[in-house]
Amino acid sequence: MVDIEEQKPYIFMVNNIKICTYLLDFMVTYATGRVEFVDVKGVSTDIYKIKSKLLFAIYGIKIKEVKRGDF
């Protein structure tokens, strides 16, 4: 069984100030317990690159980026 959670928000806070929110396209949990964080992109913008680094730095989440035409 696979569980897919769509549009999962992650809030980036610094010194109790909300800086921004990252909206992850999909969080996929496999039957084995493995979790994959997937974002579908047409173009990797500079803002996306910064937010993906913040997501890893704050939450320890590494995004699997999928190009829009690849799925």
C-alpha atoms as a PDB file:
ATOM      1  CA  MET A   1       0.000   0.000   0.000  1.00  0.00           C
ATOM      2  CA  VAL A   2       1.127   3.527  -0.783  1.00  0.00           C
ATOM      3  CA  ASP A   3      -0.110   6.666   0.982  1.00  0.00           C
ATOM      4  CA  ILE A   4       0.153   9.954  -0.922  1.00  0.00           C
ATOM      5  CA  GLU A   5      -0.308  13.280   0.811  1.00  0.00           C
ATOM      6  CA  GLU A   6      -0.668  16.237  -1.551  1.00  0.00           C
ATOM      7  CA  GLN A   7       0.221  19.906  -1.047  1.00  0.00           C
ATOM      8  CA  LYS A   8       1.954  19.465   2.305  1.00  0.00           C
ATOM      9  CA  PRO A   9       2.996  22.851   3.752  1.00  0.00           C
ATOM     10  CA  TYR A  10       6.249  23.457   5.632  1.00  0.00           C
ATOM     11  CA  ILE A  11       6.712  26.755   7.455  1.00  0.00           C
ATOM     12  CA  PHE A  12      10.149  28.344   7.734  1.00  0.00           C
ATOM     13  CA  MET A  13      10.582  30.231  11.002  1.00  0.00           C
ATOM     14  CA  VAL A  14      13.617  32.184  12.188  1.00  0.00           C
ATOM     15  CA  ASN A  15      13.622  33.664  15.706  1.00  0.00           C
ATOM     16  CA  ASN A  16       9.859  33.066  15.929  1.00  0.00           C
ATOM     17  CA  ILE A  17       9.283  35.056  12.736  1.00  0.00           C
ATOM     18  CA  LYS A  18       7.582  33.340   9.809  1.00  0.00           C
ATOM     19  CA  ILE A  19       9.809  33.855   6.780  1.00  0.00           C
ATOM     20  CA  CYS A  20       7.869  31.869   4.187  1.00  0.00           C
ATOM     21  CA  THR A  21       6.061  28.608   3.488  1.00  0.00           C
ATOM     22  CA  TYR A  22       7.114  25.779   1.196  1.00  0.00           C
ATOM     23  CA  LEU A  23       4.288  23.786  -0.361  1.00  0.00           C
ATOM     24  CA  LEU A  24       5.541  20.293  -1.187  1.00  0.00           C
ATOM     25  CA  ASP A  25       3.680  18.667  -4.073  1.00  0.00           C
ATOM     26  CA  PHE A  26       3.638  15.086  -2.728  1.00  0.00           C
ATOM     27  CA  MET A  27       4.753  13.145   0.331  1.00  0.00           C
ATOM     28  CA  VAL A  28       4.707   9.447  -0.608  1.00  0.00           C
ATOM     29  CA  THR A  29       4.826   6.809   2.138  1.00  0.00           C
ATOM     30  CA  TYR A  30       5.455   3.266   0.914  1.00  0.00           C
ATOM     31  CA  ALA A  31       4.318   0.050   2.631  1.00  0.00           C
ATOM     32  CA  THR A  32       7.913  -0.504   3.779  1.00  0.00           C
ATOM     33  CA  GLY A  33       7.773   2.778   5.724  1.00  0.00           C
ATOM     34  CA  ARG A  34      10.092   4.595   3.305  1.00  0.00           C
ATOM     35  CA  VAL A  35       9.019   8.192   2.706  1.00  0.00           C
ATOM     36  CA  GLU A  36       9.734  10.147  -0.455  1.00  0.00           C
ATOM     37  CA  PHE A  37       9.248  13.903  -0.815  1.00  0.00           C
ATOM     38  CA  VAL A  38       8.413  14.709  -4.435  1.00  0.00           C
ATOM     39  CA  ASP A  39       8.114  18.023  -6.225  1.00  0.00           C
ATOM     40  CA  VAL A  40       7.093  18.321  -9.870  1.00  0.00           C
ATOM     41  CA  LYS A  41       8.843  21.187 -11.637  1.00  0.00           C
ATOM     42  CA  GLY A  42       8.719  22.666 -15.089  1.00  0.00           C
ATOM     43  CA  VAL A  43      11.568  25.047 -14.229  1.00  0.00           C
ATOM     44  CA  SER A  44      13.818  25.148 -11.150  1.00  0.00           C
ATOM     45  CA  THR A  45      13.600  28.798 -10.118  1.00  0.00           C
ATOM     46  CA  ASP A  46      16.054  30.514  -7.779  1.00  0.00           C
ATOM     47  CA  ILE A  47      13.325  30.740  -5.110  1.00  0.00           C
ATOM     48  CA  TYR A  48      12.690  26.987  -5.372  1.00  0.00           C
ATOM     49  CA  LYS A  49      16.422  26.292  -4.997  1.00  0.00           C
ATOM     50  CA  ILE A  50      16.625  28.419  -1.843  1.00  0.00           C
ATOM     51  CA  LYS A  51      13.457  26.918  -0.342  1.00  0.00           C
ATOM     52  CA  SER A  52      14.626  23.355  -1.057  1.00  0.00           C
ATOM     53  CA  LYS A  53      17.888  24.104   0.769  1.00  0.00           C
ATOM     54  CA  LEU A  54      15.940  25.580   3.693  1.00  0.00           C
ATOM     55  CA  LEU A  55      13.696  22.507   3.756  1.00  0.00           C
ATOM     56  CA  PHE A  56      16.762  20.298   4.118  1.00  0.00           C
ATOM     57  CA  ALA A  57      18.467  22.599   6.662  1.00  0.00           C
ATOM     58  CA  ILE A  58      15.408  22.993   8.910  1.00  0.00           C
ATOM     59  CA  TYR A  59      13.516  19.711   8.472  1.00  0.00           C
ATOM     60  CA  GLY A  60      16.186  17.343   7.101  1.00  0.00           C
ATOM     61  CA  ILE A  61      14.024  16.692   4.028  1.00  0.00           C
ATOM     62  CA  LYS A  62      15.671  16.022   0.675  1.00  0.00           C
ATOM     63  CA  ILE A  63      13.335  16.607  -2.277  1.00  0.00           C
ATOM     64  CA  LYS A  64      13.090  14.263  -5.221  1.00  0.00           C
ATOM     65  CA  GLU A  65      12.587  16.615  -8.143  1.00  0.00           C
ATOM     66  CA  VAL A  66      10.588  15.302 -11.087  1.00  0.00           C
ATOM     67  CA  LYS A  67      10.431  17.203 -14.356  1.00  0.00           C
ATOM     68  CA  ARG A  68       6.888  17.899 -15.519  1.00  0.00           C
ATOM     69  CA  GLY A  69       7.206  15.859 -18.746  1.00  0.00           C
ATOM     70  CA  ASP A  70       8.817  12.818 -17.035  1.00  0.00           C
ATOM     71  CA  PHE A  71       5.743  11.344 -15.373  1.00  0.00           C
END
